């Protein structure tokens, strides 16, 4: 089937991007604190894993919590989530 370019692509052209503004100080401080807590929780999970079978189970849960906390801290450090950044939202 041949392709006929009509000049329309089914969507509007993207507008100009908003200028980047650094995040507020309070959210960055919370993000850094959360990153530190994630690191401590991750190290604690490694030490807990050395205690045996039950320690390994709890260490896995703590490591998962540390990973989620690290992800949340990255979101805070970069300025938080924006829920209105997509035209369909």
C-alpha atoms as a PDB file:
ATOM      1  CA  UNK A   1       0.000   0.000   0.000  1.00  0.00           C
ATOM      2  CA  UNK A   2       1.594   3.291  -1.027  1.00  0.00           C
ATOM      3  CA  UNK A   3       2.131   6.018   1.532  1.00  0.00           C
ATOM      4  CA  UNK A   4       0.509   9.348   0.730  1.00  0.00           C
ATOM      5  CA  UNK A   5       1.916  12.234   2.709  1.00  0.00           C
ATOM      6  CA  UNK A   6      -0.892  14.696   3.290  1.00  0.00           C
ATOM      7  CA  UNK A   7       1.138  16.816   5.698  1.00  0.00           C
ATOM      8  CA  UNK A   8      -1.036  15.811   8.617  1.00  0.00           C
ATOM      9  CA  UNK A   9       0.276  13.397  11.171  1.00  0.00           C
ATOM     10  CA  UNK A  10      -2.702  13.123  13.485  1.00  0.00           C
ATOM     11  CA  UNK A  11      -1.285  15.321  16.220  1.00  0.00           C
ATOM     12  CA  UNK A  12      -0.555  18.921  16.967  1.00  0.00           C
ATOM     13  CA  UNK A  13       2.942  20.288  16.807  1.00  0.00           C
ATOM     14  CA  UNK A  14       4.774  20.509  20.084  1.00  0.00           C
ATOM     15  CA  UNK A  15       4.978  23.923  21.622  1.00  0.00           C
ATOM     16  CA  UNK A  16       7.982  25.459  23.250  1.00  0.00           C
ATOM     17  CA  UNK A  17       9.339  23.701  26.294  1.00  0.00           C
ATOM     18  CA  UNK A  18       9.097  25.432  29.612  1.00  0.00           C
ATOM     19  CA  UNK A  19      12.285  26.880  30.959  1.00  0.00           C
ATOM     20  CA  UNK A  20      13.934  24.693  33.593  1.00  0.00           C
ATOM     21  CA  UNK A  21      13.600  26.013  37.101  1.00  0.00           C
ATOM     22  CA  UNK A  22      15.690  24.500  39.871  1.00  0.00           C
ATOM     23  CA  UNK A  23      13.639  22.762  42.555  1.00  0.00           C
ATOM     24  CA  UNK A  24      12.875  24.491  45.825  1.00  0.00           C
ATOM     25  CA  UNK A  25      15.390  23.972  48.619  1.00  0.00           C
ATOM     26  CA  UNK A  26      13.071  22.062  50.953  1.00  0.00           C
ATOM     27  CA  UNK A  27      12.292  19.309  48.457  1.00  0.00           C
ATOM     28  CA  UNK A  28      15.998  18.858  47.653  1.00  0.00           C
ATOM     29  CA  UNK A  29      16.852  18.593  51.354  1.00  0.00           C
ATOM     30  CA  UNK A  30      14.146  15.933  51.791  1.00  0.00           C
ATOM     31  CA  UNK A  31      15.490  14.095  48.733  1.00  0.00           C
ATOM     32  CA  UNK A  32      19.072  14.096  50.025  1.00  0.00           C
ATOM     33  CA  UNK A  33      17.902  12.910  53.453  1.00  0.00           C
ATOM     34  CA  UNK A  34      15.871  10.171  51.802  1.00  0.00           C
ATOM     35  CA  UNK A  35      18.898   9.130  49.727  1.00  0.00           C
ATOM     36  CA  UNK A  36      20.961   8.848  52.908  1.00  0.00           C
ATOM     37  CA  UNK A  37      18.251   6.772  54.575  1.00  0.00           C
ATOM     38  CA  UNK A  38      18.075   4.538  51.491  1.00  0.00           C
ATOM     39  CA  UNK A  39      21.826   3.976  51.674  1.00  0.00           C
ATOM     40  CA  UNK A  40      21.675   3.111  55.364  1.00  0.00           C
ATOM     41  CA  UNK A  41      18.738   0.755  54.772  1.00  0.00           C
ATOM     42  CA  UNK A  42      20.602  -0.901  51.893  1.00  0.00           C
ATOM     43  CA  UNK A  43      23.710  -1.454  54.021  1.00  0.00           C
ATOM     44  CA  UNK A  44      21.594  -2.785  56.872  1.00  0.00           C
ATOM     45  CA  UNK A  45      19.971  -5.265  54.490  1.00  0.00           C
ATOM     46  CA  UNK A  46      23.408  -6.539  53.437  1.00  0.00           C
ATOM     47  CA  UNK A  47      24.402  -7.092  57.065  1.00  0.00           C
ATOM     48  CA  UNK A  48      21.072  -8.752  57.838  1.00  0.00           C
ATOM     49  CA  UNK A  49      21.533 -11.185  54.937  1.00  0.00           C
ATOM     50  CA  UNK A  50      24.543 -12.697  56.733  1.00  0.00           C
ATOM     51  CA  UNK A  51      22.384 -13.899  59.638  1.00  0.00           C
ATOM     52  CA  UNK A  52      20.873 -16.915  57.915  1.00  0.00           C
ATOM     53  CA  UNK A  53      17.684 -17.905  56.149  1.00  0.00           C
ATOM     54  CA  UNK A  54      15.330 -15.577  58.015  1.00  0.00           C
ATOM     55  CA  UNK A  55      17.838 -12.777  57.613  1.00  0.00           C
ATOM     56  CA  UNK A  56      17.914 -13.284  53.856  1.00  0.00           C
ATOM     57  CA  UNK A  57      14.120 -13.009  53.633  1.00  0.00           C
ATOM     58  CA  UNK A  58      14.021  -9.798  55.648  1.00  0.00           C
ATOM     59  CA  UNK A  59      17.080  -8.469  53.828  1.00  0.00           C
ATOM     60  CA  UNK A  60      15.267  -8.874  50.512  1.00  0.00           C
ATOM     61  CA  UNK A  61      12.331  -6.864  51.780  1.00  0.00           C
ATOM     62  CA  UNK A  62      14.651  -4.191  53.160  1.00  0.00           C
ATOM     63  CA  UNK A  63      16.584  -4.033  49.883  1.00  0.00           C
ATOM     64  CA  UNK A  64      13.329  -3.560  47.954  1.00  0.00           C
ATOM     65  CA  UNK A  65      12.322  -0.774  50.342  1.00  0.00           C
ATOM     66  CA  UNK A  66      15.767   0.829  49.907  1.00  0.00           C
ATOM     67  CA  UNK A  67      15.413   0.709  46.109  1.00  0.00           C
ATOM     68  CA  UNK A  68      11.986   2.375  46.247  1.00  0.00           C
ATOM     69  CA  UNK A  69      13.318   4.975  48.668  1.00  0.00           C
ATOM     70  CA  UNK A  70      16.258   5.709  46.350  1.00  0.00           C
ATOM     71  CA  UNK A  71      13.837   6.145  43.451  1.00  0.00           C
ATOM     72  CA  UNK A  72      11.697   8.533  45.524  1.00  0.00           C
ATOM     73  CA  UNK A  73      14.767  10.506  46.555  1.00  0.00           C
ATOM     74  CA  UNK A  74      15.777  10.911  42.908  1.00  0.00           C
ATOM     75  CA  UNK A  75      12.312  12.287  42.158  1.00  0.00           C
ATOM     76  CA  UNK A  76      12.612  14.748  45.050  1.00  0.00           C
ATOM     77  CA  UNK A  77      16.127  15.866  44.126  1.00  0.00           C
ATOM     78  CA  UNK A  78      15.117  16.539  40.527  1.00  0.00           C
ATOM     79  CA  UNK A  79      12.159  18.688  41.524  1.00  0.00           C
ATOM     80  CA  UNK A  80       9.254  16.333  42.139  1.00  0.00           C
ATOM     81  CA  UNK A  81       6.662  14.832  39.857  1.00  0.00           C
ATOM     82  CA  UNK A  82       4.668  16.751  37.307  1.00  0.00           C
ATOM     83  CA  UNK A  83       1.332  15.248  36.444  1.00  0.00           C
ATOM     84  CA  UNK A  84       0.391  17.861  33.865  1.00  0.00           C
ATOM     85  CA  UNK A  85       3.392  17.455  31.558  1.00  0.00           C
ATOM     86  CA  UNK A  86       1.526  15.361  28.989  1.00  0.00           C
ATOM     87  CA  UNK A  87      -1.176  16.851  26.777  1.00  0.00           C
ATOM     88  CA  UNK A  88      -3.516  13.887  27.302  1.00  0.00           C
ATOM     89  CA  UNK A  89      -3.536  14.162  31.110  1.00  0.00           C
END
